[in-house]
Amino acid sequence: MKELNPISDSQQNPEISHKNCDPVLQSSSAVTSQDSKIEEIQHKEEEQEQEEEELRRLLLPNVEDLPDTPPSAVEANFTTFFAPDFMKPGHDQYIRRHANGLCVIGLAPTHVAFKDEGGITSVDFNVGKSDRSGIKVTGKRKKNAQHFESNTALCKVCTRDASYIVRCCVKGSLLEVNERLVKQPELLNTSVGGSLSVPDSITAVLAEEPSLSKREGYIAIIMPRPADWLKAKASLLDFEQYKKSRAVP
């Protein structure tokens, strides 16, 4: 009687034999997987460190990069434009535009009125067919706001020897006029450092242009439509262009 050779598990299932007979391969595969996980963790840690470094840079800037004085809220939220020789030579005005679209209108430091001795002595909002100071706008919809063209008169400023018409500069809704100017016209003079009959005074004021926004010597606040603003902006100058146009160093 012939003896039967028992068939081993390895012969019946080659996969089991392969796994059992190659422990080195199993170990190598496990090490490779572990290395990948370690690399992934290291990569995430590096990304996190970079984000934290960027956050520190934003929150804690280099002291040497900081300005001598911190910017005012107006400087941070408004962009200043200029309309030199608006309608007439020497009638220079500024427009400070807020991020929400509001435009603050005022006299630029090189306006001809500041060259007269004593500066501006009175302000009259009773121009055109109505008194601009009588306009009272209410509610979110700005009820009672009047819509004016860019060349519409806002007020008349007077010096000892002459008077000058101040205009809107941008087409839009008149929301407010600075009524304080009626009783305190000198606010216009202090907003540009007084009489500017001396060229050096103009240079000094322009060098500190952002400080104009810190005082209350503005004329009016207007809200233009976006399309009207873009049209007006095309004809305005930024600060550097304005200085160059007035030959101020």
C-alpha atoms as a PDB file:
ATOM      1  CA  MET A   1       0.000   0.000   0.000  1.00  0.00           C
ATOM      2  CA  LYS A   2       1.444   3.352  -1.085  1.00  0.00           C
ATOM      3  CA  GLU A   3       1.974   6.077   1.441  1.00  0.00           C
ATOM      4  CA  LEU A   4       0.134   9.321   0.828  1.00  0.00           C
ATOM      5  CA  ASN A   5       2.241  12.488   0.961  1.00  0.00           C
ATOM      6  CA  PRO A   6       0.398  15.092   2.934  1.00  0.00           C
ATOM      7  CA  ILE A   7      -0.018  18.372   1.066  1.00  0.00           C
ATOM      8  CA  SER A   8       1.157  21.313   3.097  1.00  0.00           C
ATOM      9  CA  ASP A   9      -0.874  24.529   3.510  1.00  0.00           C
ATOM     10  CA  SER A  10       1.763  26.325   1.549  1.00  0.00           C
ATOM     11  CA  GLN A  11       1.194  24.087  -1.442  1.00  0.00           C
ATOM     12  CA  GLN A  12      -2.560  24.472  -1.223  1.00  0.00           C
ATOM     13  CA  ASN A  13      -2.390  28.292  -0.866  1.00  0.00           C
ATOM     14  CA  PRO A  14       0.630  29.901  -2.533  1.00  0.00           C
ATOM     15  CA  GLU A  15      -0.335  33.366  -1.142  1.00  0.00           C
ATOM     16  CA  ILE A  16       0.044  32.105   2.422  1.00  0.00           C
ATOM     17  CA  SER A  17       3.377  30.607   1.517  1.00  0.00           C
ATOM     18  CA  HIS A  18       4.506  33.865  -0.052  1.00  0.00           C
ATOM     19  CA  LYS A  19       3.539  35.941   2.961  1.00  0.00           C
ATOM     20  CA  ASN A  20       4.997  33.520   5.469  1.00  0.00           C
ATOM     21  CA  CYS A  21       8.218  33.077   3.567  1.00  0.00           C
ATOM     22  CA  ASP A  22       8.952  36.812   2.956  1.00  0.00           C
ATOM     23  CA  PRO A  23       8.926  38.643   6.304  1.00  0.00           C
ATOM     24  CA  VAL A  24      11.534  41.133   5.000  1.00  0.00           C
ATOM     25  CA  LEU A  25       9.085  42.393   2.367  1.00  0.00           C
ATOM     26  CA  GLN A  26       6.381  42.835   4.982  1.00  0.00           C
ATOM     27  CA  SER A  27       8.716  44.822   7.193  1.00  0.00           C
ATOM     28  CA  SER A  28       9.863  47.027   4.295  1.00  0.00           C
ATOM     29  CA  SER A  29       6.289  47.831   3.319  1.00  0.00           C
ATOM     30  CA  ALA A  30       5.413  48.800   6.882  1.00  0.00           C
ATOM     31  CA  VAL A  31       8.468  51.063   7.130  1.00  0.00           C
ATOM     32  CA  THR A  32       7.577  52.786   3.838  1.00  0.00           C
ATOM     33  CA  SER A  33       4.026  53.435   5.027  1.00  0.00           C
ATOM     34  CA  GLN A  34       5.293  54.781   8.329  1.00  0.00           C
ATOM     35  CA  ASP A  35       7.777  57.069   6.571  1.00  0.00           C
ATOM     36  CA  SER A  36       4.979  58.494   4.403  1.00  0.00           C
ATOM     37  CA  LYS A  37       2.903  59.276   7.469  1.00  0.00           C
ATOM     38  CA  ILE A  38       5.869  60.951   9.147  1.00  0.00           C
ATOM     39  CA  GLU A  39       6.540  63.073   6.039  1.00  0.00           C
ATOM     40  CA  GLU A  40       2.891  64.059   5.875  1.00  0.00           C
ATOM     41  CA  ILE A  41       2.913  65.115   9.531  1.00  0.00           C
ATOM     42  CA  GLN A  42       6.130  67.084   9.048  1.00  0.00           C
ATOM     43  CA  HIS A  43       4.669  68.816   5.981  1.00  0.00           C
ATOM     44  CA  LYS A  44       1.565  69.849   7.924  1.00  0.00           C
ATOM     45  CA  GLU A  45       3.711  71.108  10.790  1.00  0.00           C
ATOM     46  CA  GLU A  46       5.795  73.203   8.373  1.00  0.00           C
ATOM     47  CA  GLU A  47       2.652  74.691   6.820  1.00  0.00           C
ATOM     48  CA  GLN A  48       1.301  75.504  10.275  1.00  0.00           C
ATOM     49  CA  GLU A  49       4.586  77.166  11.258  1.00  0.00           C
ATOM     50  CA  GLN A  50       4.527  79.273   8.075  1.00  0.00           C
ATOM     51  CA  GLU A  51       0.945  80.379   8.769  1.00  0.00           C
ATOM     52  CA  GLU A  52       1.840  81.275  12.367  1.00  0.00           C
ATOM     53  CA  GLU A  53       4.897  83.206  11.169  1.00  0.00           C
ATOM     54  CA  GLU A  54       2.774  85.141   8.657  1.00  0.00           C
ATOM     55  CA  LEU A  55       0.209  85.900  11.366  1.00  0.00           C
ATOM     56  CA  ARG A  56       2.946  87.153  13.704  1.00  0.00           C
ATOM     57  CA  ARG A  57       4.309  89.337  10.929  1.00  0.00           C
ATOM     58  CA  LEU A  58       0.898  90.931  10.404  1.00  0.00           C
ATOM     59  CA  LEU A  59       0.086  91.361  14.087  1.00  0.00           C
ATOM     60  CA  LEU A  60       3.594  92.315  15.192  1.00  0.00           C
ATOM     61  CA  PRO A  61       5.213  94.264  12.329  1.00  0.00           C
ATOM     62  CA  ASN A  62       8.826  95.319  12.376  1.00  0.00           C
ATOM     63  CA  VAL A  63       9.181  98.444  14.507  1.00  0.00           C
ATOM     64  CA  GLU A  64      11.462  99.994  11.890  1.00  0.00           C
ATOM     65  CA  ASP A  65       8.670  99.757   9.301  1.00  0.00           C
ATOM     66  CA  LEU A  66       6.133 101.622  11.431  1.00  0.00           C
ATOM     67  CA  PRO A  67       5.351 105.306  10.635  1.00  0.00           C
ATOM     68  CA  ASP A  68       6.377 108.033  13.059  1.00  0.00           C
ATOM     69  CA  THR A  69       2.707 108.689  13.843  1.00  0.00           C
ATOM     70  CA  PRO A  70      -0.165 106.230  13.404  1.00  0.00           C
ATOM     71  CA  PRO A  71      -2.618 107.006  10.569  1.00  0.00           C
ATOM     72  CA  SER A  72      -5.897 108.645  11.532  1.00  0.00           C
ATOM     73  CA  ALA A  73      -9.232 106.990  10.859  1.00  0.00           C
ATOM     74  CA  VAL A  74      -9.783 109.401   7.968  1.00  0.00           C
ATOM     75  CA  GLU A  75      -6.431 108.588   6.400  1.00  0.00           C
ATOM     76  CA  ALA A  76      -7.184 104.889   6.666  1.00  0.00           C
ATOM     77  CA  ASN A  77     -10.694 105.088   5.207  1.00  0.00           C
ATOM     78  CA  PHE A  78     -10.589 107.960   2.704  1.00  0.00           C
ATOM     79  CA  THR A  79      -8.779 108.443  -0.597  1.00  0.00           C
ATOM     80  CA  THR A  80      -8.075 112.039  -1.591  1.00  0.00           C
ATOM     81  CA  PHE A  81      -8.482 113.368  -5.121  1.00  0.00           C
ATOM     82  CA  PHE A  82      -8.155 116.890  -6.482  1.00  0.00           C
ATOM     83  CA  ALA A  83      -9.999 118.985  -9.062  1.00  0.00           C
ATOM     84  CA  PRO A  84      -7.602 121.836  -9.934  1.00  0.00           C
ATOM     85  CA  ASP A  85      -8.925 124.881 -11.807  1.00  0.00           C
ATOM     86  CA  PHE A  86     -12.475 123.587 -11.521  1.00  0.00           C
ATOM     87  CA  MET A  87     -14.597 125.808 -13.799  1.00  0.00           C
ATOM     88  CA  LYS A  88     -12.167 128.719 -13.262  1.00  0.00           C
ATOM     89  CA  PRO A  89      -8.389 129.104 -12.896  1.00  0.00           C
ATOM     90  CA  GLY A  90      -7.229 128.825  -9.304  1.00  0.00           C
ATOM     91  CA  HIS A  91     -10.464 127.228  -8.092  1.00  0.00           C
ATOM     92  CA  ASP A  92      -8.777 124.107  -6.725  1.00  0.00           C
ATOM     93  CA  GLN A  93     -10.947 121.704  -4.741  1.00  0.00           C
ATOM     94  CA  TYR A  94     -10.471 118.317  -3.117  1.00  0.00           C
ATOM     95  CA  ILE A  95     -12.720 115.255  -3.002  1.00  0.00           C
ATOM     96  CA  ARG A  96     -12.108 112.696  -0.252  1.00  0.00           C
ATOM     97  CA  ARG A  97     -13.888 109.462  -1.088  1.00  0.00           C
ATOM     98  CA  HIS A  98     -14.840 106.927   1.579  1.00  0.00           C
ATOM     99  CA  ALA A  99     -14.908 103.189   0.910  1.00  0.00           C
ATOM    100  CA  ASN A 100     -18.724 103.291   1.073  1.00  0.00           C
ATOM    101  CA  GLY A 101     -18.873 105.824  -1.779  1.00  0.00           C
ATOM    102  CA  LEU A 102     -19.448 109.025   0.194  1.00  0.00           C
ATOM    103  CA  CYS A 103     -17.495 112.029  -1.085  1.00  0.00           C
ATOM    104  CA  VAL A 104     -16.378 114.897   1.152  1.00  0.00           C
ATOM    105  CA  ILE A 105     -15.954 118.149  -0.789  1.00  0.00           C
ATOM    106  CA  GLY A 106     -13.630 120.962   0.271  1.00  0.00           C
ATOM    107  CA  LEU A 107     -11.120 123.584  -0.815  1.00  0.00           C
ATOM    108  CA  ALA A 108      -7.636 122.464  -1.788  1.00  0.00           C
ATOM    109  CA  PRO A 109      -4.755 124.312  -0.080  1.00  0.00           C
ATOM    110  CA  THR A 110      -3.872 126.026  -3.370  1.00  0.00           C
ATOM    111  CA  HIS A 111      -7.360 127.506  -3.852  1.00  0.00           C
ATOM    112  CA  VAL A 112      -7.130 131.137  -4.908  1.00  0.00           C
ATOM    113  CA  ALA A 113      -9.195 132.279  -1.891  1.00  0.00           C
ATOM    114  CA  PHE A 114      -6.366 131.388   0.508  1.00  0.00           C
ATOM    115  CA  LYS A 115      -4.009 133.719  -1.341  1.00  0.00           C
ATOM    116  CA  ASP A 116      -6.052 136.771  -0.357  1.00  0.00           C
ATOM    117  CA  GLU A 117      -4.866 138.583   2.746  1.00  0.00           C
ATOM    118  CA  GLY A 118      -6.731 137.350   5.817  1.00  0.00           C
ATOM    119  CA  GLY A 119      -8.057 134.247   4.052  1.00  0.00           C
ATOM    120  CA  ILE A 120     -11.765 133.414   4.032  1.00  0.00           C
ATOM    121  CA  THR A 121     -13.950 135.660   6.170  1.00  0.00           C
ATOM    122  CA  SER A 122     -17.469 134.332   5.467  1.00  0.00           C
ATOM    123  CA  VAL A 123     -19.378 131.422   3.904  1.00  0.00           C
ATOM    124  CA  ASP A 124     -22.844 131.675   2.363  1.00  0.00           C
ATOM    125  CA  PHE A 125     -24.843 128.557   1.436  1.00  0.00           C
ATOM    126  CA  ASN A 126     -27.683 130.619  -0.037  1.00  0.00           C
ATOM    127  CA  VAL A 127     -26.763 130.176  -3.689  1.00  0.00           C
ATOM    128  CA  GLY A 128     -28.732 129.240  -6.749  1.00  0.00           C
ATOM    129  CA  LYS A 129     -32.461 128.906  -6.096  1.00  0.00           C
ATOM    130  CA  SER A 130     -32.207 127.551  -2.560  1.00  0.00           C
ATOM    131  CA  ASP A 131     -30.280 127.719   0.676  1.00  0.00           C
ATOM    132  CA  ARG A 132     -28.152 124.568   0.757  1.00  0.00           C
ATOM    133  CA  SER A 133     -28.032 124.672   4.561  1.00  0.00           C
ATOM    134  CA  GLY A 134     -31.803 124.220   4.628  1.00  0.00           C
ATOM    135  CA  ILE A 135     -31.599 120.750   3.145  1.00  0.00           C
ATOM    136  CA  LYS A 136     -32.388 118.127   5.798  1.00  0.00           C
ATOM    137  CA  VAL A 137     -31.826 114.531   4.713  1.00  0.00           C
ATOM    138  CA  THR A 138     -33.412 111.765   6.792  1.00  0.00           C
ATOM    139  CA  GLY A 139     -33.555 107.958   6.915  1.00  0.00           C
ATOM    140  CA  LYS A 140     -31.591 105.234   5.177  1.00  0.00           C
ATOM    141  CA  ARG A 141     -33.149 106.191   1.849  1.00  0.00           C
ATOM    142  CA  LYS A 142     -31.779 109.742   2.264  1.00  0.00           C
ATOM    143  CA  LYS A 143     -35.192 111.335   1.898  1.00  0.00           C
ATOM    144  CA  ASN A 144     -35.180 114.975   0.714  1.00  0.00           C
ATOM    145  CA  ALA A 145     -31.688 114.666  -0.750  1.00  0.00           C
ATOM    146  CA  GLN A 146     -31.258 116.918  -3.780  1.00  0.00           C
ATOM    147  CA  HIS A 147     -29.479 115.656  -6.880  1.00  0.00           C
ATOM    148  CA  PHE A 148     -26.892 118.037  -8.281  1.00  0.00           C
ATOM    149  CA  GLU A 149     -24.572 118.148 -11.271  1.00  0.00           C
ATOM    150  CA  SER A 150     -20.806 118.414 -10.850  1.00  0.00           C
ATOM    151  CA  ASN A 151     -20.886 122.128 -11.720  1.00  0.00           C
ATOM    152  CA  THR A 152     -23.744 122.977  -9.316  1.00  0.00           C
ATOM    153  CA  ALA A 153     -22.874 125.674  -6.755  1.00  0.00           C
ATOM    154  CA  LEU A 154     -22.609 124.542  -3.141  1.00  0.00           C
ATOM    155  CA  CYS A 155     -21.767 127.816  -1.482  1.00  0.00           C
ATOM    156  CA  LYS A 156     -19.973 131.130  -1.818  1.00  0.00           C
ATOM    157  CA  VAL A 157     -16.816 131.841   0.150  1.00  0.00           C
ATOM    158  CA  CYS A 158     -15.780 135.441   0.648  1.00  0.00           C
ATOM    159  CA  THR A 159     -12.520 137.174   1.456  1.00  0.00           C
ATOM    160  CA  ARG A 160     -11.945 140.864   2.154  1.00  0.00           C
ATOM    161  CA  ASP A 161     -11.630 141.639  -1.534  1.00  0.00           C
ATOM    162  CA  ALA A 162     -13.501 138.958  -3.476  1.00  0.00           C
ATOM    163  CA  SER A 163     -15.960 136.044  -3.443  1.00  0.00           C
ATOM    164  CA  TYR A 164     -15.664 132.578  -4.969  1.00  0.00           C
ATOM    165  CA  ILE A 165     -18.205 129.896  -5.843  1.00  0.00           C
ATOM    166  CA  VAL A 166     -17.507 126.386  -4.521  1.00  0.00           C
ATOM    167  CA  ARG A 167     -19.001 123.592  -6.644  1.00  0.00           C
ATOM    168  CA  CYS A 168     -19.930 119.926  -6.206  1.00  0.00           C
ATOM    169  CA  CYS A 169     -17.137 118.544  -8.434  1.00  0.00           C
ATOM    170  CA  VAL A 170     -19.051 115.238  -8.696  1.00  0.00           C
ATOM    171  CA  LYS A 171     -22.602 114.498  -9.769  1.00  0.00           C
ATOM    172  CA  GLY A 172     -24.664 113.051  -6.927  1.00  0.00           C
ATOM    173  CA  SER A 173     -27.040 113.549  -4.001  1.00  0.00           C
ATOM    174  CA  LEU A 174     -26.231 116.318  -1.541  1.00  0.00           C
ATOM    175  CA  LEU A 175     -26.504 114.744   1.911  1.00  0.00           C
ATOM    176  CA  GLU A 176     -25.031 117.433   4.138  1.00  0.00           C
ATOM    177  CA  VAL A 177     -23.350 120.817   4.201  1.00  0.00           C
ATOM    178  CA  ASN A 178     -21.028 121.991   6.951  1.00  0.00           C
ATOM    179  CA  GLU A 179     -23.269 124.557   8.652  1.00  0.00           C
ATOM    180  CA  ARG A 180     -20.550 125.365  11.184  1.00  0.00           C
ATOM    181  CA  LEU A 181     -18.817 127.351   8.476  1.00  0.00           C
ATOM    182  CA  VAL A 182     -21.555 129.990   8.578  1.00  0.00           C
ATOM    183  CA  LYS A 183     -20.575 130.989  12.129  1.00  0.00           C
ATOM    184  CA  GLN A 184     -16.978 129.757  11.941  1.00  0.00           C
ATOM    185  CA  PRO A 185     -15.628 130.453   8.432  1.00  0.00           C
ATOM    186  CA  GLU A 186     -12.127 130.412   9.899  1.00  0.00           C
ATOM    187  CA  LEU A 187     -12.373 126.601   9.953  1.00  0.00           C
ATOM    188  CA  LEU A 188     -11.562 126.714   6.251  1.00  0.00           C
ATOM    189  CA  ASN A 189      -8.405 128.703   6.938  1.00  0.00           C
ATOM    190  CA  THR A 190      -7.234 126.474   9.800  1.00  0.00           C
ATOM    191  CA  SER A 191      -7.837 123.377   7.691  1.00  0.00           C
ATOM    192  CA  VAL A 192      -4.980 124.464   5.437  1.00  0.00           C
ATOM    193  CA  GLY A 193      -2.798 126.193   7.991  1.00  0.00           C
ATOM    194  CA  GLY A 194      -4.003 129.750   7.491  1.00  0.00           C
ATOM    195  CA  SER A 195      -3.298 132.151   4.664  1.00  0.00           C
ATOM    196  CA  LEU A 196      -1.203 130.584   1.937  1.00  0.00           C
ATOM    197  CA  SER A 197       0.172 133.669   0.250  1.00  0.00           C
ATOM    198  CA  VAL A 198       3.716 132.375   0.689  1.00  0.00           C
ATOM    199  CA  PRO A 199       4.707 129.487  -1.622  1.00  0.00           C
ATOM    200  CA  ASP A 200       6.665 127.803   1.178  1.00  0.00           C
ATOM    201  CA  SER A 201       3.438 127.593   3.194  1.00  0.00           C
ATOM    202  CA  ILE A 202       1.756 125.700   0.358  1.00  0.00           C
ATOM    203  CA  THR A 203       4.654 123.266   0.231  1.00  0.00           C
ATOM    204  CA  ALA A 204       4.416 122.664   3.977  1.00  0.00           C
ATOM    205  CA  VAL A 205       0.667 122.055   3.838  1.00  0.00           C
ATOM    206  CA  LEU A 206       0.905 119.668   0.910  1.00  0.00           C
ATOM    207  CA  ALA A 207       3.668 117.746   2.655  1.00  0.00           C
ATOM    208  CA  GLU A 208       1.160 117.125   5.464  1.00  0.00           C
ATOM    209  CA  GLU A 209      -1.827 116.568   3.167  1.00  0.00           C
ATOM    210  CA  PRO A 210      -3.480 113.826   5.276  1.00  0.00           C
ATOM    211  CA  SER A 211      -3.820 116.287   8.178  1.00  0.00           C
ATOM    212  CA  LEU A 212      -6.394 118.212   6.138  1.00  0.00           C
ATOM    213  CA  SER A 213      -8.840 115.438   6.902  1.00  0.00           C
ATOM    214  CA  LYS A 214      -8.415 115.764  10.666  1.00  0.00           C
ATOM    215  CA  ARG A 215     -10.105 119.171  10.858  1.00  0.00           C
ATOM    216  CA  GLU A 216     -13.645 120.259  10.189  1.00  0.00           C
ATOM    217  CA  GLY A 217     -13.054 122.625   7.307  1.00  0.00           C
ATOM    218  CA  TYR A 218     -15.000 120.660   4.714  1.00  0.00           C
ATOM    219  CA  ILE A 219     -17.816 122.109   2.593  1.00  0.00           C
ATOM    220  CA  ALA A 220     -20.287 119.271   1.947  1.00  0.00           C
ATOM    221  CA  ILE A 221     -20.881 115.535   1.664  1.00  0.00           C
ATOM    222  CA  ILE A 222     -22.180 114.066  -1.575  1.00  0.00           C
ATOM    223  CA  MET A 223     -23.155 110.529  -2.556  1.00  0.00           C
ATOM    224  CA  PRO A 224     -22.585 109.887  -6.273  1.00  0.00           C
ATOM    225  CA  ARG A 225     -23.789 106.841  -8.134  1.00  0.00           C
ATOM    226  CA  PRO A 226     -20.995 104.368  -8.987  1.00  0.00           C
ATOM    227  CA  ALA A 227     -21.189 105.171 -12.708  1.00  0.00           C
ATOM    228  CA  ASP A 228     -21.142 108.916 -12.044  1.00  0.00           C
ATOM    229  CA  TRP A 229     -18.167 108.532  -9.723  1.00  0.00           C
ATOM    230  CA  LEU A 230     -16.146 106.613 -12.305  1.00  0.00           C
ATOM    231  CA  LYS A 231     -16.879 109.313 -14.856  1.00  0.00           C
ATOM    232  CA  ALA A 232     -15.799 112.066 -12.461  1.00  0.00           C
ATOM    233  CA  LYS A 233     -12.731 110.174 -11.243  1.00  0.00           C
ATOM    234  CA  ALA A 234     -11.319 110.083 -14.774  1.00  0.00           C
ATOM    235  CA  SER A 235     -10.846 113.863 -14.658  1.00  0.00           C
ATOM    236  CA  LEU A 236      -9.468 114.059 -11.097  1.00  0.00           C
ATOM    237  CA  LEU A 237      -5.861 113.968  -9.908  1.00  0.00           C
ATOM    238  CA  ASP A 238      -4.362 111.949  -7.099  1.00  0.00           C
ATOM    239  CA  PHE A 239      -2.097 113.589  -4.526  1.00  0.00           C
ATOM    240  CA  GLU A 240       1.168 113.128  -6.419  1.00  0.00           C
ATOM    241  CA  GLN A 241      -0.349 114.310  -9.712  1.00  0.00           C
ATOM    242  CA  TYR A 242      -1.806 117.325  -7.954  1.00  0.00           C
ATOM    243  CA  LYS A 243       1.543 118.312  -6.451  1.00  0.00           C
ATOM    244  CA  LYS A 244       3.168 117.973  -9.848  1.00  0.00           C
ATOM    245  CA  SER A 245       0.484 120.095 -11.516  1.00  0.00           C
ATOM    246  CA  ARG A 246       1.120 122.864  -8.999  1.00  0.00           C
ATOM    247  CA  ALA A 247       4.910 122.533  -9.278  1.00  0.00           C
ATOM    248  CA  VAL A 248       5.238 121.743  -5.592  1.00  0.00           C
ATOM    249  CA  PRO A 249       8.341 119.696  -4.655  1.00  0.00           C
END
